C-alpha atoms as a PDB file:
ATOM      1  CA  MET A   1      74.672 -81.602 -84.281  1.00  0.00           C
ATOM      2  CA  ALA A   2      72.390 -80.739 -81.361  1.00  0.00           C
ATOM      3  CA  ARG A   3      70.302 -83.875 -81.937  1.00  0.00           C
ATOM      4  CA  PHE A   4      73.461 -85.984 -81.949  1.00  0.00           C
ATOM      5  CA  VAL A   5      74.505 -84.576 -78.580  1.00  0.00           C
ATOM      6  CA  LEU A   6      71.007 -85.039 -77.125  1.00  0.00           C
ATOM      7  CA  ALA A   7      70.748 -88.626 -78.301  1.00  0.00           C
ATOM      8  CA  ASN A   8      74.199 -89.540 -76.989  1.00  0.00           C
ATOM      9  CA  VAL A   9      73.594 -87.933 -73.607  1.00  0.00           C
ATOM     10  CA  LEU A  10      70.408 -89.958 -73.309  1.00  0.00           C
ATOM     11  CA  VAL A  11      72.267 -93.170 -74.130  1.00  0.00           C
ATOM     12  CA  PHE A  12      75.538 -92.799 -72.225  1.00  0.00           C
ATOM     13  CA  VAL A  13      74.615 -90.930 -69.024  1.00  0.00           C
ATOM     14  CA  ASN A  14      73.930 -93.159 -66.051  1.00  0.00           C
ATOM     15  CA  TRP A  15      70.554 -92.061 -64.667  1.00  0.00           C
ATOM     16  CA  LYS A  16      70.355 -94.361 -61.622  1.00  0.00           C
ATOM     17  CA  THR A  17      73.692 -93.875 -59.873  1.00  0.00           C
ATOM     18  CA  GLY A  18      75.598 -90.862 -58.694  1.00  0.00           C
ATOM     19  CA  PRO A  19      75.446 -88.180 -56.018  1.00  0.00           C
ATOM     20  CA  LYS A  20      72.148 -87.268 -54.344  1.00  0.00           C
ATOM     21  CA  TRP A  21      71.786 -84.026 -56.281  1.00  0.00           C
ATOM     22  CA  TRP A  22      72.119 -85.937 -59.560  1.00  0.00           C
ATOM     23  CA  LEU A  23      69.528 -88.539 -58.560  1.00  0.00           C
ATOM     24  CA  LYS A  24      67.148 -85.696 -57.747  1.00  0.00           C
ATOM     25  CA  VAL A  25      67.743 -83.830 -61.033  1.00  0.00           C
ATOM     26  CA  ALA A  26      68.294 -86.760 -63.440  1.00  0.00           C
ATOM     27  CA  PRO A  27      64.645 -87.731 -64.131  1.00  0.00           C
ATOM     28  CA  THR A  28      63.681 -84.149 -64.966  1.00  0.00           C
ATOM     29  CA  PHE A  29      66.819 -83.669 -67.038  1.00  0.00           C
ATOM     30  CA  MET A  30      66.128 -86.862 -68.983  1.00  0.00           C
ATOM     31  CA  TYR A  31      62.505 -85.868 -69.553  1.00  0.00           C
ATOM     32  CA  ILE A  32      63.520 -82.442 -70.893  1.00  0.00           C
ATOM     33  CA  LEU A  33      66.180 -83.917 -73.192  1.00  0.00           C
ATOM     34  CA  THR A  34      63.782 -86.550 -74.527  1.00  0.00           C
ATOM     35  CA  LEU A  35      61.018 -84.010 -75.043  1.00  0.00           C
ATOM     36  CA  THR A  36      63.416 -81.713 -76.871  1.00  0.00           C
ATOM     37  CA  ASN A  37      64.782 -84.489 -79.070  1.00  0.00           C
ATOM     38  CA  TYR A  38      61.451 -86.052 -80.049  1.00  0.00           C
ATOM     39  CA  ILE A  39      58.946 -83.192 -79.846  1.00  0.00           C
ATOM     40  CA  LEU A  40      60.462 -79.698 -79.886  1.00  0.00           C
ATOM     41  CA  PHE A  41      63.008 -80.232 -82.673  1.00  0.00           C
ATOM     42  CA  PRO A  42      60.420 -81.890 -84.948  1.00  0.00           C
ATOM     43  CA  ILE A  43      57.891 -79.109 -84.326  1.00  0.00           C
ATOM     44  CA  ILE A  44      60.456 -76.412 -85.082  1.00  0.00           C
ATOM     45  CA  SER A  45      61.535 -78.287 -88.203  1.00  0.00           C
ATOM     46  CA  GLY A  46      57.897 -78.737 -89.206  1.00  0.00           C
ATOM     47  CA  ILE A  47      57.373 -74.981 -89.010  1.00  0.00           C
ATOM     48  CA  TRP A  48      60.465 -74.482 -91.174  1.00  0.00           C
ATOM     49  CA  PHE A  49      59.216 -77.193 -93.540  1.00  0.00           C
ATOM     50  CA  VAL A  50      55.858 -75.441 -94.038  1.00  0.00           C
ATOM     51  CA  ARG A  51      57.451 -72.024 -94.525  1.00  0.00           C
ATOM     52  CA  LYS A  52      59.894 -73.308 -97.169  1.00  0.00           C
ATOM     53  CA  TRP A  53      57.399 -75.487 -99.068  1.00  0.00           C
ATOM     54  CA  ASP A  54      57.469 -73.395-102.286  1.00  0.00           C
ATOM     55  CA  ILE A  55      61.262 -73.331-102.366  1.00  0.00           C
ATOM     56  CA  MET A  56      61.431 -77.092-101.833  1.00  0.00           C
ATOM     57  CA  LEU A  57      59.175 -77.761-104.812  1.00  0.00           C
ATOM     58  CA  LYS A  58      61.583 -75.883-107.088  1.00  0.00           C
ATOM     59  CA  SER A  59      64.826 -77.155-105.553  1.00  0.00           C
ATOM     60  CA  VAL A  60      66.721 -80.360-106.175  1.00  0.00           C
ATOM     61  CA  TYR A  61      66.854 -80.778-102.386  1.00  0.00           C
ATOM     62  CA  GLY A  62      63.068 -80.892-102.126  1.00  0.00           C
ATOM     63  CA  ILE A  63      62.844 -84.690-101.991  1.00  0.00           C
ATOM     64  CA  TYR A  64      65.497 -84.789 -99.291  1.00  0.00           C
ATOM     65  CA  SER A  65      63.712 -82.115 -97.258  1.00  0.00           C
ATOM     66  CA  GLN A  66      60.381 -83.907 -97.588  1.00  0.00           C
ATOM     67  CA  THR A  67      61.968 -87.164 -96.466  1.00  0.00           C
ATOM     68  CA  VAL A  68      63.435 -85.443 -93.413  1.00  0.00           C
ATOM     69  CA  GLY A  69      59.988 -83.989 -92.685  1.00  0.00           C
ATOM     70  CA  ILE A  70      58.426 -87.458 -92.806  1.00  0.00           C
ATOM     71  CA  ILE A  71      61.130 -88.789 -90.471  1.00  0.00           C
ATOM     72  CA  TRP A  72      60.385 -85.975 -87.988  1.00  0.00           C
ATOM     73  CA  ILE A  73      56.678 -86.835 -88.054  1.00  0.00           C
ATOM     74  CA  LEU A  74      57.422 -90.513 -87.511  1.00  0.00           C
ATOM     75  CA  GLN A  75      59.682 -89.653 -84.564  1.00  0.00           C
ATOM     76  CA  MET A  76      56.856 -87.761 -82.892  1.00  0.00           C
ATOM     77  CA  VAL A  77      54.544 -90.751 -83.425  1.00  0.00           C
ATOM     78  CA  PHE A  78      57.270 -93.004 -81.998  1.00  0.00           C
ATOM     79  CA  TYR A  79      57.509 -90.782 -78.934  1.00  0.00           C
ATOM     80  CA  PHE A  80      53.770 -90.790 -78.229  1.00  0.00           C
ATOM     81  CA  ARG A  81      53.246 -94.490 -78.975  1.00  0.00           C
ATOM     82  CA  ILE A  82      56.366 -96.077 -77.454  1.00  0.00           C
ATOM     83  CA  ILE A  83      58.618 -93.780 -75.437  1.00  0.00           C
ATOM     84  CA  GLY A  84      55.988 -91.782 -73.560  1.00  0.00           C
ATOM     85  CA  PRO A  85      53.726 -94.619 -72.355  1.00  0.00           C
ATOM     86  CA  PHE A  86      56.494 -97.078 -71.470  1.00  0.00           C
ATOM     87  CA  VAL A  87      59.321 -94.903 -70.191  1.00  0.00           C
ATOM     88  CA  TYR A  88      57.344 -92.325 -68.231  1.00  0.00           C
END
């Protein structure tokens, strides 16, 4: 749910218009939201993924969890290869 909110805020908030205080805060706010969405959440999930590895091997949800882990890794690569160099 938190990732959904972060992604939608990044898409629907106008970053270039608004009051002076918003134009001063918006770039930092966008950077923090993007960093959280593409780096912090995947790292936290990666830590969870490593800690629950034995349980995932025995569970029917193991394939799903491993797929989600791969998606998180790919999102971090996407951030460093595309979002970071071109947006910032």
